[in-house]
Amino acid sequence: MPDVVIPTYLKDPDAVLDWIWDWSDWLAPGETIVTSVFTVGAGLDLDSSSHNTTSATAWLSGGAPGSPYTVANRITTSASRTDERSIVIRVKNR
């Protein structure tokens, strides 16, 4: 199996931004997201989160300049399938 490249994004330490995980291409026809849980690396703040039937959103703030943080979204679907996708947020003064 090929290595998976985890997407990396930049964020200013003073920014409060929403990050969206779009699961619509992965979900089977008629399948929906039932639960969504975010895991955030220590030092980055998860201010709030939500989900609808096809996507999940995390509002993130804080972080130390120069530091990378992994943020993961784990979902369970109406078909009882579970999956997790991660991104890296690199904090940089902008």
C-alpha atoms as a PDB file:
ATOM      1  CA  MET A   1       0.000   0.000   0.000  1.00  0.00           C
ATOM      2  CA  PRO A   2       1.437   3.449  -0.893  1.00  0.00           C
ATOM      3  CA  ASP A   3       2.344   5.948   1.799  1.00  0.00           C
ATOM      4  CA  VAL A   4      -0.380   8.449   2.586  1.00  0.00           C
ATOM      5  CA  VAL A   5       0.559  12.121   2.487  1.00  0.00           C
ATOM      6  CA  ILE A   6      -1.146  14.072   5.258  1.00  0.00           C
ATOM      7  CA  PRO A   7      -2.223  17.531   4.056  1.00  0.00           C
ATOM      8  CA  THR A   8      -0.495  20.466   5.809  1.00  0.00           C
ATOM      9  CA  TYR A   9      -2.032  23.907   6.284  1.00  0.00           C
ATOM     10  CA  LEU A  10      -0.767  27.196   7.752  1.00  0.00           C
ATOM     11  CA  LYS A  11      -2.483  29.086  10.570  1.00  0.00           C
ATOM     12  CA  ASP A  12      -1.552  32.289  12.404  1.00  0.00           C
ATOM     13  CA  PRO A  13      -1.450  31.824  16.218  1.00  0.00           C
ATOM     14  CA  ASP A  14      -4.068  34.607  16.625  1.00  0.00           C
ATOM     15  CA  ALA A  15      -6.440  33.235  13.987  1.00  0.00           C
ATOM     16  CA  VAL A  16      -9.637  31.361  14.845  1.00  0.00           C
ATOM     17  CA  LEU A  17     -10.505  29.359  11.740  1.00  0.00           C
ATOM     18  CA  ASP A  18     -12.876  26.622  10.647  1.00  0.00           C
ATOM     19  CA  TRP A  19     -11.488  23.482   9.023  1.00  0.00           C
ATOM     20  CA  ILE A  20     -13.895  21.229   7.147  1.00  0.00           C
ATOM     21  CA  TRP A  21     -13.575  17.502   6.520  1.00  0.00           C
ATOM     22  CA  ASP A  22     -15.737  16.672   3.504  1.00  0.00           C
ATOM     23  CA  TRP A  23     -16.620  12.977   3.585  1.00  0.00           C
ATOM     24  CA  SER A  24     -19.156  13.056   0.721  1.00  0.00           C
ATOM     25  CA  ASP A  25     -16.894  11.247  -1.791  1.00  0.00           C
ATOM     26  CA  TRP A  26     -16.197   8.448   0.723  1.00  0.00           C
ATOM     27  CA  LEU A  27     -19.777   7.868   1.874  1.00  0.00           C
ATOM     28  CA  ALA A  28     -21.905   5.291   0.068  1.00  0.00           C
ATOM     29  CA  PRO A  29     -25.173   6.453  -1.520  1.00  0.00           C
ATOM     30  CA  GLY A  30     -27.682   7.135   1.273  1.00  0.00           C
ATOM     31  CA  GLU A  31     -25.048   6.779   4.011  1.00  0.00           C
ATOM     32  CA  THR A  32     -24.674   9.650   6.491  1.00  0.00           C
ATOM     33  CA  ILE A  33     -22.398  10.737   9.320  1.00  0.00           C
ATOM     34  CA  VAL A  34     -23.889   9.815  12.694  1.00  0.00           C
ATOM     35  CA  THR A  35     -21.030  10.820  15.018  1.00  0.00           C
ATOM     36  CA  SER A  36     -17.904  12.922  14.599  1.00  0.00           C
ATOM     37  CA  VAL A  37     -15.052  13.268  17.096  1.00  0.00           C
ATOM     38  CA  PHE A  38     -12.019  15.529  16.722  1.00  0.00           C
ATOM     39  CA  THR A  39      -8.625  14.896  18.300  1.00  0.00           C
ATOM     40  CA  VAL A  40      -6.285  17.895  18.443  1.00  0.00           C
ATOM     41  CA  GLY A  41      -2.578  17.974  19.331  1.00  0.00           C
ATOM     42  CA  ALA A  42      -1.706  19.553  22.698  1.00  0.00           C
ATOM     43  CA  GLY A  43      -1.208  23.311  22.402  1.00  0.00           C
ATOM     44  CA  LEU A  44      -3.809  23.872  19.684  1.00  0.00           C
ATOM     45  CA  ASP A  45      -7.351  24.601  20.895  1.00  0.00           C
ATOM     46  CA  LEU A  46     -10.539  23.006  19.593  1.00  0.00           C
ATOM     47  CA  ASP A  47     -13.018  25.828  20.237  1.00  0.00           C
ATOM     48  CA  SER A  48     -16.044  24.000  18.850  1.00  0.00           C
ATOM     49  CA  SER A  49     -17.037  21.315  16.382  1.00  0.00           C
ATOM     50  CA  SER A  50     -20.095  20.224  14.456  1.00  0.00           C
ATOM     51  CA  HIS A  51     -21.160  17.877  11.695  1.00  0.00           C
ATOM     52  CA  ASN A  52     -23.943  17.367   9.212  1.00  0.00           C
ATOM     53  CA  THR A  53     -24.784  14.350   7.081  1.00  0.00           C
ATOM     54  CA  THR A  54     -21.670  14.598   4.850  1.00  0.00           C
ATOM     55  CA  SER A  55     -19.038  16.794   6.538  1.00  0.00           C
ATOM     56  CA  ALA A  56     -17.514  17.722   9.894  1.00  0.00           C
ATOM     57  CA  THR A  57     -16.152  21.102  10.980  1.00  0.00           C
ATOM     58  CA  ALA A  58     -13.604  22.025  13.661  1.00  0.00           C
ATOM     59  CA  TRP A  59     -12.982  25.598  14.853  1.00  0.00           C
ATOM     60  CA  LEU A  60      -9.330  25.877  15.903  1.00  0.00           C
ATOM     61  CA  SER A  61      -7.388  28.604  17.703  1.00  0.00           C
ATOM     62  CA  GLY A  62      -4.027  29.151  19.366  1.00  0.00           C
ATOM     63  CA  GLY A  63      -0.861  27.221  18.799  1.00  0.00           C
ATOM     64  CA  ALA A  64       2.804  28.199  19.080  1.00  0.00           C
ATOM     65  CA  PRO A  65       4.609  29.645  16.034  1.00  0.00           C
ATOM     66  CA  GLY A  66       6.851  27.061  14.391  1.00  0.00           C
ATOM     67  CA  SER A  67       4.896  24.133  15.808  1.00  0.00           C
ATOM     68  CA  PRO A  68       3.024  21.502  13.809  1.00  0.00           C
ATOM     69  CA  TYR A  69      -0.199  20.033  15.214  1.00  0.00           C
ATOM     70  CA  THR A  70      -2.053  16.962  14.008  1.00  0.00           C
ATOM     71  CA  VAL A  71      -5.842  17.237  13.913  1.00  0.00           C
ATOM     72  CA  ALA A  72      -7.888  14.097  13.290  1.00  0.00           C
ATOM     73  CA  ASN A  73     -11.571  13.606  12.549  1.00  0.00           C
ATOM     74  CA  ARG A  74     -13.072  10.204  13.335  1.00  0.00           C
ATOM     75  CA  ILE A  75     -16.578   9.505  12.106  1.00  0.00           C
ATOM     76  CA  THR A  76     -19.106   6.718  12.421  1.00  0.00           C
ATOM     77  CA  THR A  77     -21.755   6.385   9.739  1.00  0.00           C
ATOM     78  CA  SER A  78     -25.339   5.210   9.480  1.00  0.00           C
ATOM     79  CA  ALA A  79     -23.929   1.971   7.969  1.00  0.00           C
ATOM     80  CA  SER A  80     -21.812   1.455  11.146  1.00  0.00           C
ATOM     81  CA  ARG A  81     -18.570   2.175   9.279  1.00  0.00           C
ATOM     82  CA  THR A  82     -15.812   4.109  11.055  1.00  0.00           C
ATOM     83  CA  ASP A  83     -12.918   6.010   9.513  1.00  0.00           C
ATOM     84  CA  GLU A  84     -10.454   8.708  10.498  1.00  0.00           C
ATOM     85  CA  ARG A  85      -8.673  11.388   8.470  1.00  0.00           C
ATOM     86  CA  SER A  86      -5.901  13.697   9.689  1.00  0.00           C
ATOM     87  CA  ILE A  87      -4.378  17.002   8.692  1.00  0.00           C
ATOM     88  CA  VAL A  88      -1.397  18.931  10.030  1.00  0.00           C
ATOM     89  CA  ILE A  89      -1.762  22.555  11.061  1.00  0.00           C
ATOM     90  CA  ARG A  90       1.569  24.390  11.082  1.00  0.00           C
ATOM     91  CA  VAL A  91       1.372  27.596  13.108  1.00  0.00           C
ATOM     92  CA  LYS A  92       3.265  30.568  11.690  1.00  0.00           C
ATOM     93  CA  ASN A  93       3.084  34.307  12.273  1.00  0.00           C
ATOM     94  CA  ARG A  94       1.562  35.734   9.125  1.00  0.00           C
END
